[in-house]
Structure formats: C-alpha cells, structure tokens
C-alpha cells in the first residue's frame, strides 16, 4: 500500500530494525537520508515514540526524525547505529533528534514547530509503524479528505 497523503505531523509508535533496515520505511515516512530519493507522506514534522525490543538498541533512522522520547533513547545503543552508518556510507541516519520526556510532549513539540498551520485544526497522521499501515489514525481535520478517497474506509 502506497500512502499518498499530506499533513502537518506524522506520529509513529515505534521504529526498529525488524520493521525496516533503516528503522522505518522511508517510502512511508517521506523522510530519506539522501536527497536523491522521494515519496511517502508529506508532513512538516515527524515524532517517533519508541524503539522495538527486536532492534537490540540499534536506533538507525533517528536522523530523519524531528522529535523522540526519553524512553526510546534509553533503549538506544548508538554504536549499533554507527555500524549501519559506516556500512551504508551515510551518517545522517544516526543523528539524534530533540528528545522529550513523554509521548505527549513529543507530539506537542512537533505541532508547536509546524509553520503556517491552524493549531486548532492540526492535520495529524498516526501509525503503529511503517510495516503495519492497514490502519491509520488521522485527526478530525483530515476526515473529509479520508471520506473523499474511495480507497480508504472510516472505521470509527
């Protein structure tokens, strides 16, 4: 399933090596470590809230994230991400984003940093991870767009 959407903020519950070699599928997030690729969701800010246990601390991919949480960083072992960066010849994936204490703080920070939006009508997209996107949550500001798309179904 190719996601072609735009919003203000993308919130991802968790990332990890068991989800994608780069922690998250760039074709879903729209965030790449190279300027030579494109696609995916178009948003101003991305928050990732946690790291899968199966990643064993490898937090590669954090460099394309705007905000994360202290719980994710507590699980991170940057040296593992450095091995990935050295192997791929791309260091941007192992940079560290703004780290806040809670999921709520991370999401609020992303919203706060968006430019030119109506904060009373934030267009937020929430996914479990980039491997499981059969169910996508969106904010009320995006409901009409979902209704107009025949490929999408509103569940509740």
N, C-alpha and C. Protein backbone atom coordinates (compact mmCIF):
# COMPACT_ATOMS: atom_id res chain seq x y z
N UNK A 1 0.86 -1.19 0.00
CA UNK A 1 0.00 0.00 0.00
C UNK A 1 0.89 1.23 0.00
N UNK A 2 0.72 2.09 -0.95
CA UNK A 2 1.46 3.34 -1.02
C UNK A 2 0.62 4.43 -0.38
N UNK A 3 1.18 5.12 0.59
CA UNK A 3 0.47 6.22 1.23
C UNK A 3 0.80 7.49 0.47
N UNK A 4 -0.24 8.15 -0.02
CA UNK A 4 -0.05 9.45 -0.64
C UNK A 4 -0.95 10.41 0.10
N UNK A 5 -0.38 11.07 1.08
CA UNK A 5 -1.15 11.98 1.92
C UNK A 5 -0.26 13.13 2.33
N UNK A 6 -0.89 14.15 2.82
CA UNK A 6 -0.12 15.24 3.38
C UNK A 6 -0.80 15.65 4.68
N UNK A 7 0.01 16.12 5.58
CA UNK A 7 -0.50 16.55 6.87
C UNK A 7 0.52 17.47 7.50
N UNK A 8 0.31 17.74 8.76
CA UNK A 8 1.24 18.58 9.50
C UNK A 8 2.26 17.74 10.26
N UNK A 9 1.76 16.69 10.94
CA UNK A 9 2.60 15.87 11.81
C UNK A 9 2.33 14.40 11.57
N UNK A 10 3.40 13.61 11.51
CA UNK A 10 3.31 12.15 11.47
C UNK A 10 3.83 11.63 12.79
N UNK A 11 3.01 10.83 13.47
CA UNK A 11 3.41 10.20 14.74
C UNK A 11 3.52 8.71 14.49
N UNK A 12 4.67 8.14 14.85
CA UNK A 12 4.93 6.72 14.67
C UNK A 12 5.19 6.12 16.06
N UNK A 13 4.42 5.08 16.40
CA UNK A 13 4.55 4.49 17.73
C UNK A 13 5.94 3.92 17.98
N UNK A 14 6.46 3.15 17.02
CA UNK A 14 7.81 2.63 17.19
C UNK A 14 8.48 2.36 15.87
N UNK A 15 9.80 2.34 15.94
CA UNK A 15 10.64 2.03 14.79
C UNK A 15 11.58 0.91 15.20
N UNK A 16 12.24 0.29 14.23
CA UNK A 16 13.20 -0.74 14.60
C UNK A 16 13.73 -1.49 13.40
N UNK A 17 14.82 -2.19 13.61
CA UNK A 17 15.47 -2.98 12.57
C UNK A 17 14.56 -4.11 12.08
N UNK A 18 13.64 -4.59 12.90
CA UNK A 18 12.71 -5.63 12.48
C UNK A 18 11.57 -5.06 11.63
N UNK A 19 11.47 -3.75 11.57
CA UNK A 19 10.45 -3.09 10.76
C UNK A 19 11.03 -2.71 9.40
N UNK A 20 12.24 -2.18 9.41
CA UNK A 20 12.93 -1.79 8.18
C UNK A 20 14.42 -1.72 8.49
N UNK A 21 15.24 -1.96 7.48
CA UNK A 21 16.68 -1.87 7.67
C UNK A 21 17.13 -0.50 8.14
N UNK A 22 16.33 0.51 7.80
CA UNK A 22 16.66 1.87 8.25
C UNK A 22 15.76 2.31 9.40
N UNK A 23 15.17 1.35 10.09
CA UNK A 23 14.34 1.65 11.26
C UNK A 23 12.89 1.95 10.91
N UNK A 24 12.70 2.63 9.80
CA UNK A 24 11.37 2.99 9.28
C UNK A 24 11.46 2.96 7.77
N UNK A 25 10.37 2.61 7.12
CA UNK A 25 10.35 2.59 5.66
C UNK A 25 10.23 4.03 5.16
N UNK A 26 11.26 4.50 4.51
CA UNK A 26 11.31 5.89 4.01
C UNK A 26 10.21 6.16 2.99
N UNK A 27 9.78 5.14 2.27
CA UNK A 27 8.71 5.31 1.29
C UNK A 27 7.36 5.57 1.96
N UNK A 28 7.26 5.29 3.23
CA UNK A 28 6.06 5.60 4.00
C UNK A 28 6.22 6.96 4.67
N UNK A 29 7.33 7.17 5.37
CA UNK A 29 7.52 8.40 6.15
C UNK A 29 7.79 9.63 5.29
N UNK A 30 8.29 9.42 4.08
CA UNK A 30 8.66 10.55 3.25
C UNK A 30 9.96 11.21 3.67
N UNK A 31 10.68 10.57 4.60
CA UNK A 31 11.95 11.10 5.10
C UNK A 31 13.08 10.17 4.66
N UNK A 32 14.03 10.72 3.96
CA UNK A 32 15.14 9.95 3.41
C UNK A 32 16.47 10.52 3.91
N UNK A 33 17.48 9.68 3.96
CA UNK A 33 18.81 10.14 4.36
C UNK A 33 19.61 10.64 3.16
N UNK A 34 19.00 10.63 2.00
CA UNK A 34 19.64 11.13 0.79
C UNK A 34 18.68 12.04 0.04
N UNK A 35 19.20 13.04 -0.62
CA UNK A 35 18.36 13.95 -1.40
C UNK A 35 17.97 13.37 -2.75
N UNK A 36 18.46 12.18 -3.06
CA UNK A 36 18.20 11.56 -4.36
C UNK A 36 16.95 10.68 -4.38
N UNK A 37 16.22 10.61 -3.27
CA UNK A 37 15.01 9.79 -3.20
C UNK A 37 13.84 10.64 -2.72
N UNK A 38 12.63 10.23 -3.07
CA UNK A 38 11.45 10.97 -2.62
C UNK A 38 10.24 10.04 -2.62
N UNK A 39 9.15 10.52 -2.02
CA UNK A 39 7.91 9.77 -1.94
C UNK A 39 7.41 9.71 -0.52
N UNK A 40 6.27 9.10 -0.32
CA UNK A 40 5.72 8.93 1.02
C UNK A 40 4.88 10.11 1.47
N UNK A 41 4.56 10.10 2.73
CA UNK A 41 3.74 11.14 3.34
C UNK A 41 4.51 12.46 3.32
N UNK A 42 3.79 13.54 3.07
CA UNK A 42 4.39 14.87 3.13
C UNK A 42 3.90 15.55 4.40
N UNK A 43 4.79 15.70 5.36
CA UNK A 43 4.46 16.37 6.62
C UNK A 43 5.60 17.31 7.00
N UNK A 44 5.30 18.24 7.89
CA UNK A 44 6.34 19.14 8.37
C UNK A 44 7.21 18.49 9.44
N UNK A 45 6.60 17.71 10.34
CA UNK A 45 7.34 17.15 11.47
C UNK A 45 6.98 15.69 11.69
N UNK A 46 7.98 14.94 12.18
CA UNK A 46 7.80 13.51 12.48
C UNK A 46 8.25 13.25 13.91
N UNK A 47 7.40 12.53 14.66
CA UNK A 47 7.75 12.07 16.00
C UNK A 47 7.75 10.56 16.01
N UNK A 48 8.79 9.96 16.59
CA UNK A 48 8.83 8.52 16.82
C UNK A 48 8.91 8.32 18.32
N UNK A 49 8.00 7.49 18.84
CA UNK A 49 7.82 7.40 20.29
C UNK A 49 8.59 6.29 20.97
N UNK A 50 8.96 5.23 20.25
CA UNK A 50 9.62 4.11 20.92
C UNK A 50 10.44 3.30 19.92
N UNK A 51 11.28 2.43 20.45
CA UNK A 51 12.16 1.55 19.68
C UNK A 51 11.79 0.11 20.00
N UNK A 52 11.68 -0.73 18.97
CA UNK A 52 11.31 -2.12 19.22
C UNK A 52 12.41 -2.86 19.99
N UNK A 53 12.00 -3.81 20.78
CA UNK A 53 12.96 -4.64 21.52
C UNK A 53 13.84 -5.43 20.55
N UNK A 54 13.26 -5.85 19.43
CA UNK A 54 13.99 -6.65 18.45
C UNK A 54 15.17 -5.90 17.83
N UNK A 55 15.20 -4.59 17.99
CA UNK A 55 16.30 -3.78 17.44
C UNK A 55 17.57 -3.87 18.28
N UNK A 56 17.43 -4.36 19.51
CA UNK A 56 18.57 -4.50 20.42
C UNK A 56 19.35 -3.20 20.54
N UNK A 57 18.62 -2.09 20.52
CA UNK A 57 19.25 -0.78 20.72
C UNK A 57 19.66 -0.07 19.45
N UNK A 58 19.60 -0.73 18.30
CA UNK A 58 20.01 -0.09 17.05
C UNK A 58 18.95 0.93 16.65
N UNK A 59 19.27 2.19 16.83
CA UNK A 59 18.32 3.27 16.55
C UNK A 59 18.62 3.97 15.22
N UNK A 60 19.16 3.24 14.26
CA UNK A 60 19.42 3.82 12.93
C UNK A 60 18.11 4.36 12.37
N UNK A 61 18.17 5.49 11.76
CA UNK A 61 16.99 6.14 11.20
C UNK A 61 16.54 7.35 11.99
N UNK A 62 17.06 7.51 13.19
CA UNK A 62 16.65 8.64 14.03
C UNK A 62 17.02 9.99 13.42
N UNK A 63 17.99 10.00 12.54
CA UNK A 63 18.43 11.26 11.96
C UNK A 63 17.40 11.96 11.11
N UNK A 64 16.35 11.25 10.68
CA UNK A 64 15.31 11.87 9.86
C UNK A 64 14.08 12.23 10.70
N UNK A 65 14.17 12.02 12.00
CA UNK A 65 13.06 12.28 12.93
C UNK A 65 13.28 13.65 13.56
N UNK A 66 12.19 14.36 13.82
CA UNK A 66 12.30 15.68 14.45
C UNK A 66 12.30 15.59 15.96
N UNK A 67 11.45 14.72 16.51
CA UNK A 67 11.32 14.61 17.97
C UNK A 67 11.13 13.15 18.35
N UNK A 68 11.75 12.77 19.47
CA UNK A 68 11.56 11.43 20.01
C UNK A 68 11.38 11.53 21.52
N UNK A 69 11.37 10.37 22.18
CA UNK A 69 11.11 10.33 23.62
C UNK A 69 12.32 9.79 24.39
N UNK A 70 12.33 10.11 25.67
CA UNK A 70 13.38 9.60 26.54
C UNK A 70 13.33 8.08 26.63
N UNK A 71 12.14 7.48 26.57
CA UNK A 71 12.05 6.02 26.66
C UNK A 71 12.73 5.37 25.46
N UNK A 72 12.60 5.96 24.27
CA UNK A 72 13.28 5.42 23.11
C UNK A 72 14.79 5.56 23.29
N UNK A 73 15.24 6.70 23.68
CA UNK A 73 16.68 6.95 23.80
C UNK A 73 17.30 6.09 24.91
N UNK A 74 16.52 5.74 25.93
CA UNK A 74 17.03 4.87 26.99
C UNK A 74 17.32 3.47 26.46
N UNK A 75 16.63 3.07 25.40
CA UNK A 75 16.85 1.77 24.78
C UNK A 75 17.94 1.80 23.72
N UNK A 76 18.33 2.99 23.29
CA UNK A 76 19.24 3.15 22.15
C UNK A 76 20.68 2.82 22.52
N UNK A 77 21.35 2.18 21.59
CA UNK A 77 22.78 1.91 21.66
C UNK A 77 23.38 2.49 20.38
N UNK A 78 23.76 3.77 20.41
CA UNK A 78 24.20 4.45 19.20
C UNK A 78 25.32 3.74 18.43
N UNK A 79 26.17 3.01 19.13
CA UNK A 79 27.26 2.31 18.45
C UNK A 79 26.74 1.35 17.38
N UNK A 80 25.57 0.73 17.62
CA UNK A 80 25.00 -0.16 16.63
C UNK A 80 24.56 0.63 15.39
N UNK A 81 24.00 1.80 15.62
CA UNK A 81 23.60 2.65 14.50
C UNK A 81 24.82 3.12 13.72
N UNK A 82 25.93 3.36 14.42
CA UNK A 82 27.15 3.80 13.75
C UNK A 82 27.66 2.74 12.78
N UNK A 83 27.52 1.47 13.16
CA UNK A 83 27.94 0.39 12.26
C UNK A 83 27.11 0.45 10.99
N UNK A 84 25.79 0.65 11.15
CA UNK A 84 24.92 0.79 9.97
C UNK A 84 25.35 1.98 9.11
N UNK A 85 25.64 3.09 9.75
CA UNK A 85 26.03 4.30 9.01
C UNK A 85 27.34 4.08 8.26
N UNK A 86 28.29 3.46 8.90
CA UNK A 86 29.57 3.20 8.24
C UNK A 86 29.42 2.23 7.07
N UNK A 87 28.56 1.24 7.24
CA UNK A 87 28.32 0.26 6.18
C UNK A 87 27.63 0.88 4.97
N UNK A 88 26.65 1.76 5.24
CA UNK A 88 25.87 2.36 4.15
C UNK A 88 26.52 3.63 3.60
N UNK A 89 27.58 4.10 4.25
CA UNK A 89 28.29 5.32 3.86
C UNK A 89 27.44 6.58 4.04
N UNK A 90 26.39 6.50 4.87
CA UNK A 90 25.50 7.62 5.11
C UNK A 90 25.37 7.83 6.62
N UNK A 91 25.88 8.94 7.12
CA UNK A 91 25.87 9.18 8.57
C UNK A 91 24.61 9.86 9.08
N UNK A 92 23.80 10.44 8.20
CA UNK A 92 22.65 11.22 8.66
C UNK A 92 21.61 10.38 9.40
N UNK A 93 21.56 9.09 9.16
CA UNK A 93 20.56 8.25 9.83
C UNK A 93 20.81 8.02 11.30
N UNK A 94 22.01 8.33 11.78
CA UNK A 94 22.29 8.07 13.20
C UNK A 94 22.38 9.34 14.03
N UNK A 95 21.95 10.47 13.49
CA UNK A 95 21.90 11.71 14.27
C UNK A 95 20.77 11.60 15.29
N UNK A 96 20.85 12.40 16.34
CA UNK A 96 19.89 12.33 17.43
C UNK A 96 18.93 13.53 17.38
N UNK A 97 17.62 13.27 17.35
CA UNK A 97 16.63 14.36 17.33
C UNK A 97 16.37 14.93 18.73
N UNK A 98 15.58 15.97 18.80
CA UNK A 98 15.11 16.51 20.07
C UNK A 98 14.47 15.37 20.86
N UNK A 99 14.84 15.24 22.12
CA UNK A 99 14.35 14.15 22.96
C UNK A 99 13.58 14.72 24.14
N UNK A 100 12.31 14.34 24.26
CA UNK A 100 11.45 14.84 25.33
C UNK A 100 10.98 13.69 26.21
N UNK A 101 10.45 14.03 27.38
CA UNK A 101 10.14 13.03 28.40
C UNK A 101 8.96 12.12 28.08
N UNK A 102 7.94 12.62 27.40
CA UNK A 102 6.74 11.80 27.21
C UNK A 102 6.27 11.82 25.75
N UNK A 103 5.40 10.87 25.43
CA UNK A 103 4.78 10.84 24.11
C UNK A 103 4.05 12.16 23.86
N UNK A 104 3.29 12.58 24.85
CA UNK A 104 2.50 13.81 24.73
C UNK A 104 3.40 15.01 24.46
N UNK A 105 4.51 15.11 25.19
CA UNK A 105 5.43 16.23 24.98
C UNK A 105 6.03 16.20 23.58
N UNK A 106 6.36 15.01 23.08
CA UNK A 106 6.94 14.88 21.75
C UNK A 106 5.94 15.32 20.68
N UNK A 107 4.70 14.89 20.81
CA UNK A 107 3.68 15.25 19.83
C UNK A 107 3.39 16.75 19.89
N UNK A 108 3.26 17.28 21.09
CA UNK A 108 3.01 18.72 21.24
C UNK A 108 4.16 19.55 20.65
N UNK A 109 5.39 19.09 20.83
CA UNK A 109 6.54 19.82 20.28
C UNK A 109 6.49 19.84 18.76
N UNK A 110 6.14 18.71 18.15
CA UNK A 110 6.01 18.67 16.69
C UNK A 110 4.96 19.66 16.21
N UNK A 111 3.82 19.67 16.88
CA UNK A 111 2.75 20.59 16.49
C UNK A 111 3.24 22.03 16.66
N UNK A 112 3.89 22.31 17.76
CA UNK A 112 4.38 23.67 18.04
C UNK A 112 5.37 24.14 16.98
N UNK A 113 6.18 23.24 16.45
CA UNK A 113 7.21 23.63 15.49
C UNK A 113 6.71 23.71 14.04
N UNK A 114 5.47 23.33 13.79
CA UNK A 114 4.93 23.46 12.44
C UNK A 114 4.71 24.94 12.11
N UNK A 115 5.01 25.28 10.89
CA UNK A 115 4.91 26.67 10.44
C UNK A 115 3.66 26.85 9.58
N UNK A 116 2.92 27.93 9.83
CA UNK A 116 1.80 28.30 8.98
C UNK A 116 0.60 27.38 9.06
N UNK A 117 0.36 26.77 10.20
CA UNK A 117 -0.80 25.88 10.34
C UNK A 117 -1.81 26.48 11.31
N UNK A 118 -3.04 26.02 11.22
CA UNK A 118 -4.07 26.37 12.18
C UNK A 118 -3.98 25.33 13.29
N UNK A 119 -3.45 25.70 14.43
CA UNK A 119 -3.23 24.74 15.51
C UNK A 119 -4.53 24.20 16.12
N UNK A 120 -5.65 24.81 15.79
CA UNK A 120 -6.93 24.26 16.25
C UNK A 120 -7.44 23.19 15.28
N UNK A 121 -6.74 23.05 14.13
CA UNK A 121 -7.14 22.05 13.13
C UNK A 121 -5.89 21.32 12.61
N UNK A 122 -5.11 20.79 13.52
CA UNK A 122 -3.87 20.11 13.14
C UNK A 122 -4.19 18.87 12.32
N UNK A 123 -3.45 18.70 11.24
CA UNK A 123 -3.61 17.54 10.36
C UNK A 123 -2.56 16.51 10.79
N UNK A 124 -2.97 15.63 11.70
CA UNK A 124 -2.06 14.66 12.31
C UNK A 124 -2.36 13.26 11.77
N UNK A 125 -1.29 12.56 11.41
CA UNK A 125 -1.38 11.18 10.94
C UNK A 125 -0.64 10.32 11.96
N UNK A 126 -1.28 9.26 12.42
CA UNK A 126 -0.69 8.39 13.44
C UNK A 126 -0.68 6.96 12.92
N UNK A 127 0.51 6.34 12.94
CA UNK A 127 0.63 4.94 12.54
C UNK A 127 1.37 4.17 13.62
N UNK A 128 1.10 2.88 13.67
CA UNK A 128 1.79 1.99 14.61
C UNK A 128 3.27 1.94 14.27
N UNK A 129 3.57 1.62 13.01
CA UNK A 129 4.94 1.60 12.48
C UNK A 129 4.81 1.58 10.97
N UNK A 130 5.89 1.59 10.26
CA UNK A 130 5.81 1.67 8.80
C UNK A 130 5.62 0.32 8.12
N UNK A 131 5.60 -0.75 8.90
CA UNK A 131 5.34 -2.07 8.34
C UNK A 131 3.85 -2.43 8.39
N UNK A 132 3.16 -1.89 9.38
CA UNK A 132 1.74 -2.19 9.59
C UNK A 132 0.93 -0.92 9.39
N UNK A 133 0.48 -0.70 8.15
CA UNK A 133 -0.25 0.53 7.87
C UNK A 133 -1.66 0.27 7.35
N UNK A 134 -2.19 -0.90 7.63
CA UNK A 134 -3.56 -1.19 7.21
C UNK A 134 -4.53 -0.28 7.97
N UNK A 135 -4.17 0.08 9.19
CA UNK A 135 -4.98 1.01 10.00
C UNK A 135 -4.14 2.26 10.26
N UNK A 136 -4.72 3.38 9.89
CA UNK A 136 -4.07 4.67 10.07
C UNK A 136 -5.05 5.56 10.81
N UNK A 137 -4.57 6.23 11.85
CA UNK A 137 -5.41 7.18 12.55
C UNK A 137 -5.08 8.58 12.05
N UNK A 138 -6.11 9.38 11.88
CA UNK A 138 -5.92 10.76 11.48
C UNK A 138 -6.75 11.66 12.40
N UNK A 139 -6.34 12.90 12.49
CA UNK A 139 -7.09 13.86 13.30
C UNK A 139 -8.37 14.26 12.57
N UNK A 140 -9.28 14.86 13.30
CA UNK A 140 -10.56 15.28 12.73
C UNK A 140 -10.38 16.21 11.54
N UNK A 141 -9.32 16.98 11.53
CA UNK A 141 -9.08 17.93 10.44
C UNK A 141 -8.86 17.22 9.10
N UNK A 142 -8.64 15.91 9.12
CA UNK A 142 -8.38 15.16 7.89
C UNK A 142 -9.54 14.26 7.47
N UNK A 143 -10.61 14.21 8.24
CA UNK A 143 -11.71 13.29 8.00
C UNK A 143 -12.36 13.49 6.63
N UNK A 144 -12.59 14.73 6.22
CA UNK A 144 -13.22 14.97 4.92
C UNK A 144 -12.35 14.46 3.78
N UNK A 145 -11.04 14.61 3.90
CA UNK A 145 -10.12 14.09 2.88
C UNK A 145 -10.22 12.57 2.81
N UNK A 146 -10.33 11.92 3.96
CA UNK A 146 -10.47 10.46 4.01
C UNK A 146 -11.79 10.04 3.36
N UNK A 147 -12.86 10.76 3.67
CA UNK A 147 -14.18 10.44 3.08
C UNK A 147 -14.16 10.51 1.56
N UNK A 148 -13.40 11.44 1.00
CA UNK A 148 -13.34 11.62 -0.45
C UNK A 148 -12.48 10.58 -1.15
N UNK A 149 -11.70 9.83 -0.40
CA UNK A 149 -10.80 8.85 -1.00
C UNK A 149 -11.47 7.47 -1.02
N UNK A 150 -11.81 6.96 -2.20
CA UNK A 150 -12.51 5.67 -2.29
C UNK A 150 -11.67 4.48 -1.83
N UNK A 151 -10.36 4.66 -1.70
CA UNK A 151 -9.51 3.57 -1.25
C UNK A 151 -9.44 3.46 0.27
N UNK A 152 -10.03 4.44 0.96
CA UNK A 152 -9.99 4.45 2.42
C UNK A 152 -11.36 4.23 3.01
N UNK A 153 -11.39 3.62 4.18
CA UNK A 153 -12.64 3.36 4.89
C UNK A 153 -12.53 3.89 6.30
N UNK A 154 -13.50 4.63 6.74
CA UNK A 154 -13.52 5.14 8.11
C UNK A 154 -14.08 4.05 9.00
N UNK A 155 -13.29 3.64 10.00
CA UNK A 155 -13.72 2.56 10.89
C UNK A 155 -14.46 3.10 12.10
N UNK A 156 -14.00 4.16 12.68
CA UNK A 156 -14.69 4.80 13.80
C UNK A 156 -14.18 6.19 14.02
